[in-house]
């Protein structure tokens, strides 16, 4: 199941999630005004992202199909939840917070697509090898 696209996109996802998590924790107090949410919320999201980054990093080293599907599902869930917040509850975040969430969600959506494509490519390569 491990195609180069899958490995690279998982590794990129792990890095993006880790950097985002560290930034949210490190700048939780300063981010309160910038993003329009309390520091504890930024800290919780940051800690969650660090945990997610660790799981994605481990999966990139040994991509098991079920874990890859769960990661893609988590990424899609993030994008949908972000859209609900941005569209369903306008004004919840500051303008800067809304822009940051939208941009992060675009990156996450791209990573989900790349991981899915890598997963499919790996499945196709495995099927070809079995036939061949």
C-alpha atoms as a PDB file:
ATOM      1  CA  UNK A   1       0.000   0.000   0.000  1.00  0.00           C
ATOM      2  CA  UNK A   2       2.929   2.377   0.343  1.00  0.00           C
ATOM      3  CA  UNK A   3       3.370   4.576  -2.691  1.00  0.00           C
ATOM      4  CA  UNK A   4       5.795   7.511  -2.711  1.00  0.00           C
ATOM      5  CA  UNK A   5       2.844   9.924  -2.934  1.00  0.00           C
ATOM      6  CA  UNK A   6       1.306   8.403   0.180  1.00  0.00           C
ATOM      7  CA  UNK A   7       4.539   8.483   2.180  1.00  0.00           C
ATOM      8  CA  UNK A   8       5.301  12.101   1.193  1.00  0.00           C
ATOM      9  CA  UNK A   9       1.782  13.341   1.861  1.00  0.00           C
ATOM     10  CA  UNK A  10       1.646  11.614   5.257  1.00  0.00           C
ATOM     11  CA  UNK A  11       5.054  13.036   6.194  1.00  0.00           C
ATOM     12  CA  UNK A  12       3.950  16.504   5.090  1.00  0.00           C
ATOM     13  CA  UNK A  13       0.733  16.144   7.075  1.00  0.00           C
ATOM     14  CA  UNK A  14       2.705  15.147  10.179  1.00  0.00           C
ATOM     15  CA  UNK A  15       5.039  18.120   9.783  1.00  0.00           C
ATOM     16  CA  UNK A  16       2.218  20.609   9.122  1.00  0.00           C
ATOM     17  CA  UNK A  17       0.224  19.303  12.091  1.00  0.00           C
ATOM     18  CA  UNK A  18       3.247  19.412  14.420  1.00  0.00           C
ATOM     19  CA  UNK A  19       4.277  22.924  13.415  1.00  0.00           C
ATOM     20  CA  UNK A  20       0.687  24.142  13.720  1.00  0.00           C
ATOM     21  CA  UNK A  21       0.281  22.476  17.112  1.00  0.00           C
ATOM     22  CA  UNK A  22       3.493  23.969  18.491  1.00  0.00           C
ATOM     23  CA  UNK A  23       2.569  27.414  17.152  1.00  0.00           C
ATOM     24  CA  UNK A  24      -0.916  27.284  18.680  1.00  0.00           C
ATOM     25  CA  UNK A  25       0.472  26.277  22.075  1.00  0.00           C
ATOM     26  CA  UNK A  26       3.385  28.725  22.001  1.00  0.00           C
ATOM     27  CA  UNK A  27       1.269  31.671  20.927  1.00  0.00           C
ATOM     28  CA  UNK A  28      -1.982  30.771  22.709  1.00  0.00           C
ATOM     29  CA  UNK A  29      -2.098  33.973  24.732  1.00  0.00           C
ATOM     30  CA  UNK A  30      -1.034  36.231  21.865  1.00  0.00           C
ATOM     31  CA  UNK A  31      -3.351  34.361  19.506  1.00  0.00           C
ATOM     32  CA  UNK A  32      -6.378  35.184  21.614  1.00  0.00           C
ATOM     33  CA  UNK A  33      -6.702  38.655  20.134  1.00  0.00           C
ATOM     34  CA  UNK A  34      -5.553  37.611  16.667  1.00  0.00           C
ATOM     35  CA  UNK A  35      -7.940  34.660  16.334  1.00  0.00           C
ATOM     36  CA  UNK A  36     -10.755  35.693  18.634  1.00  0.00           C
ATOM     37  CA  UNK A  37     -10.787  32.570  20.813  1.00  0.00           C
ATOM     38  CA  UNK A  38      -9.612  31.954  24.387  1.00  0.00           C
ATOM     39  CA  UNK A  39      -6.051  30.715  24.969  1.00  0.00           C
ATOM     40  CA  UNK A  40      -7.189  27.424  26.493  1.00  0.00           C
ATOM     41  CA  UNK A  41      -8.985  26.582  23.247  1.00  0.00           C
ATOM     42  CA  UNK A  42      -5.863  27.244  21.184  1.00  0.00           C
ATOM     43  CA  UNK A  43      -3.883  25.107  23.638  1.00  0.00           C
ATOM     44  CA  UNK A  44      -6.304  22.200  23.357  1.00  0.00           C
ATOM     45  CA  UNK A  45      -6.350  22.341  19.558  1.00  0.00           C
ATOM     46  CA  UNK A  46      -2.545  22.598  19.566  1.00  0.00           C
ATOM     47  CA  UNK A  47      -2.170  19.570  21.848  1.00  0.00           C
ATOM     48  CA  UNK A  48      -4.606  17.619  19.676  1.00  0.00           C
ATOM     49  CA  UNK A  49      -2.614  18.515  16.580  1.00  0.00           C
ATOM     50  CA  UNK A  50       0.615  17.334  18.218  1.00  0.00           C
ATOM     51  CA  UNK A  51      -1.005  13.997  19.070  1.00  0.00           C
ATOM     52  CA  UNK A  52      -2.353  13.710  15.546  1.00  0.00           C
ATOM     53  CA  UNK A  53       1.078  14.580  14.120  1.00  0.00           C
ATOM     54  CA  UNK A  54       2.659  11.746  16.094  1.00  0.00           C
ATOM     55  CA  UNK A  55       0.087   9.229  14.794  1.00  0.00           C
ATOM     56  CA  UNK A  56       0.507  10.439  11.204  1.00  0.00           C
ATOM     57  CA  UNK A  57       4.308  10.321  11.502  1.00  0.00           C
ATOM     58  CA  UNK A  58       4.165   6.735  12.787  1.00  0.00           C
ATOM     59  CA  UNK A  59       1.777   5.805   9.994  1.00  0.00           C
ATOM     60  CA  UNK A  60       4.071   7.351   7.357  1.00  0.00           C
ATOM     61  CA  UNK A  61       6.821   4.993   8.535  1.00  0.00           C
ATOM     62  CA  UNK A  62       4.536   1.941   8.247  1.00  0.00           C
ATOM     63  CA  UNK A  63       1.353   2.810   6.327  1.00  0.00           C
ATOM     64  CA  UNK A  64      -1.335   0.371   7.352  1.00  0.00           C
ATOM     65  CA  UNK A  65      -4.487   0.747   5.232  1.00  0.00           C
ATOM     66  CA  UNK A  66      -6.877   1.180   8.167  1.00  0.00           C
ATOM     67  CA  UNK A  67      -4.765   3.923   9.764  1.00  0.00           C
ATOM     68  CA  UNK A  68      -4.386   5.751   6.448  1.00  0.00           C
ATOM     69  CA  UNK A  69      -8.157   5.666   5.975  1.00  0.00           C
ATOM     70  CA  UNK A  70      -8.663   7.013   9.497  1.00  0.00           C
ATOM     71  CA  UNK A  71      -6.193   9.840   8.868  1.00  0.00           C
ATOM     72  CA  UNK A  72      -7.903  10.772   5.593  1.00  0.00           C
ATOM     73  CA  UNK A  73     -11.231  10.643   7.437  1.00  0.00           C
ATOM     74  CA  UNK A  74      -9.886  12.878  10.209  1.00  0.00           C
ATOM     75  CA  UNK A  75      -8.627  15.371   7.631  1.00  0.00           C
ATOM     76  CA  UNK A  76     -11.973  15.435   5.853  1.00  0.00           C
ATOM     77  CA  UNK A  77     -13.718  15.872   9.220  1.00  0.00           C
ATOM     78  CA  UNK A  78     -11.449  18.852   9.996  1.00  0.00           C
ATOM     79  CA  UNK A  79     -12.325  20.492   6.670  1.00  0.00           C
ATOM     80  CA  UNK A  80     -16.072  19.936   7.160  1.00  0.00           C
ATOM     81  CA  UNK A  81     -15.973  21.195  10.756  1.00  0.00           C
ATOM     82  CA  UNK A  82     -14.036  24.279   9.662  1.00  0.00           C
ATOM     83  CA  UNK A  83     -16.615  24.965   6.950  1.00  0.00           C
ATOM     84  CA  UNK A  84     -19.411  24.640   9.523  1.00  0.00           C
ATOM     85  CA  UNK A  85     -17.667  27.127  11.822  1.00  0.00           C
ATOM     86  CA  UNK A  86     -16.853  29.582   9.035  1.00  0.00           C
ATOM     87  CA  UNK A  87     -20.201  29.416   7.242  1.00  0.00           C
ATOM     88  CA  UNK A  88     -22.606  28.427  10.003  1.00  0.00           C
ATOM     89  CA  UNK A  89     -21.245  30.655  12.759  1.00  0.00           C
ATOM     90  CA  UNK A  90     -19.828  33.753  11.089  1.00  0.00           C
ATOM     91  CA  UNK A  91     -18.262  36.162  13.515  1.00  0.00           C
ATOM     92  CA  UNK A  92     -17.226  33.412  15.943  1.00  0.00           C
ATOM     93  CA  UNK A  93     -13.603  33.971  14.980  1.00  0.00           C
ATOM     94  CA  UNK A  94     -11.895  37.263  14.279  1.00  0.00           C
ATOM     95  CA  UNK A  95     -11.279  38.076  10.613  1.00  0.00           C
ATOM     96  CA  UNK A  96      -7.660  36.895  11.049  1.00  0.00           C
ATOM     97  CA  UNK A  97      -8.868  33.710  12.737  1.00  0.00           C
ATOM     98  CA  UNK A  98     -11.298  33.034   9.895  1.00  0.00           C
ATOM     99  CA  UNK A  99      -8.558  33.532   7.301  1.00  0.00           C
ATOM    100  CA  UNK A 100      -6.133  31.298   9.228  1.00  0.00           C
ATOM    101  CA  UNK A 101      -8.742  28.536   9.602  1.00  0.00           C
ATOM    102  CA  UNK A 102      -9.702  28.751   5.921  1.00  0.00           C
ATOM    103  CA  UNK A 103      -6.068  28.585   4.779  1.00  0.00           C
ATOM    104  CA  UNK A 104      -5.248  25.713   7.134  1.00  0.00           C
ATOM    105  CA  UNK A 105      -8.329  23.869   5.884  1.00  0.00           C
ATOM    106  CA  UNK A 106      -7.212  24.279   2.282  1.00  0.00           C
ATOM    107  CA  UNK A 107      -3.870  22.691   3.182  1.00  0.00           C
ATOM    108  CA  UNK A 108      -5.609  19.877   5.063  1.00  0.00           C
ATOM    109  CA  UNK A 109      -8.002  19.264   2.142  1.00  0.00           C
ATOM    110  CA  UNK A 110      -5.056  19.088  -0.256  1.00  0.00           C
ATOM    111  CA  UNK A 111      -3.257  16.634   2.019  1.00  0.00           C
ATOM    112  CA  UNK A 112      -6.385  14.480   2.281  1.00  0.00           C
ATOM    113  CA  UNK A 113      -6.661  14.333  -1.509  1.00  0.00           C
ATOM    114  CA  UNK A 114      -2.972  13.477  -1.878  1.00  0.00           C
ATOM    115  CA  UNK A 115      -3.144  10.791   0.823  1.00  0.00           C
ATOM    116  CA  UNK A 116      -6.221   9.282  -0.804  1.00  0.00           C
ATOM    117  CA  UNK A 117      -4.526   9.320  -4.208  1.00  0.00           C
ATOM    118  CA  UNK A 118      -1.419   7.731  -2.707  1.00  0.00           C
ATOM    119  CA  UNK A 119      -3.524   5.098  -0.995  1.00  0.00           C
ATOM    120  CA  UNK A 120      -5.322   4.308  -4.256  1.00  0.00           C
ATOM    121  CA  UNK A 121      -2.050   4.228  -6.195  1.00  0.00           C
ATOM    122  CA  UNK A 122      -0.551   1.846  -3.643  1.00  0.00           C
ATOM    123  CA  UNK A 123      -3.599  -0.407  -3.930  1.00  0.00           C
ATOM    124  CA  UNK A 124      -3.329  -0.385  -7.717  1.00  0.00           C
ATOM    125  CA  UNK A 125       0.396  -1.183  -7.567  1.00  0.00           C
ATOM    126  CA  UNK A 126      -0.272  -4.059  -5.149  1.00  0.00           C
ATOM    127  CA  UNK A 127      -3.024  -5.432  -7.404  1.00  0.00           C
ATOM    128  CA  UNK A 128      -0.778  -5.191 -10.474  1.00  0.00           C
ATOM    129  CA  UNK A 129       2.031  -6.985  -8.679  1.00  0.00           C
ATOM    130  CA  UNK A 130      -0.340  -9.761  -7.616  1.00  0.00           C
ATOM    131  CA  UNK A 131      -1.562 -10.199 -11.180  1.00  0.00           C
ATOM    132  CA  UNK A 132       1.756 -10.022 -12.624  1.00  0.00           C
END
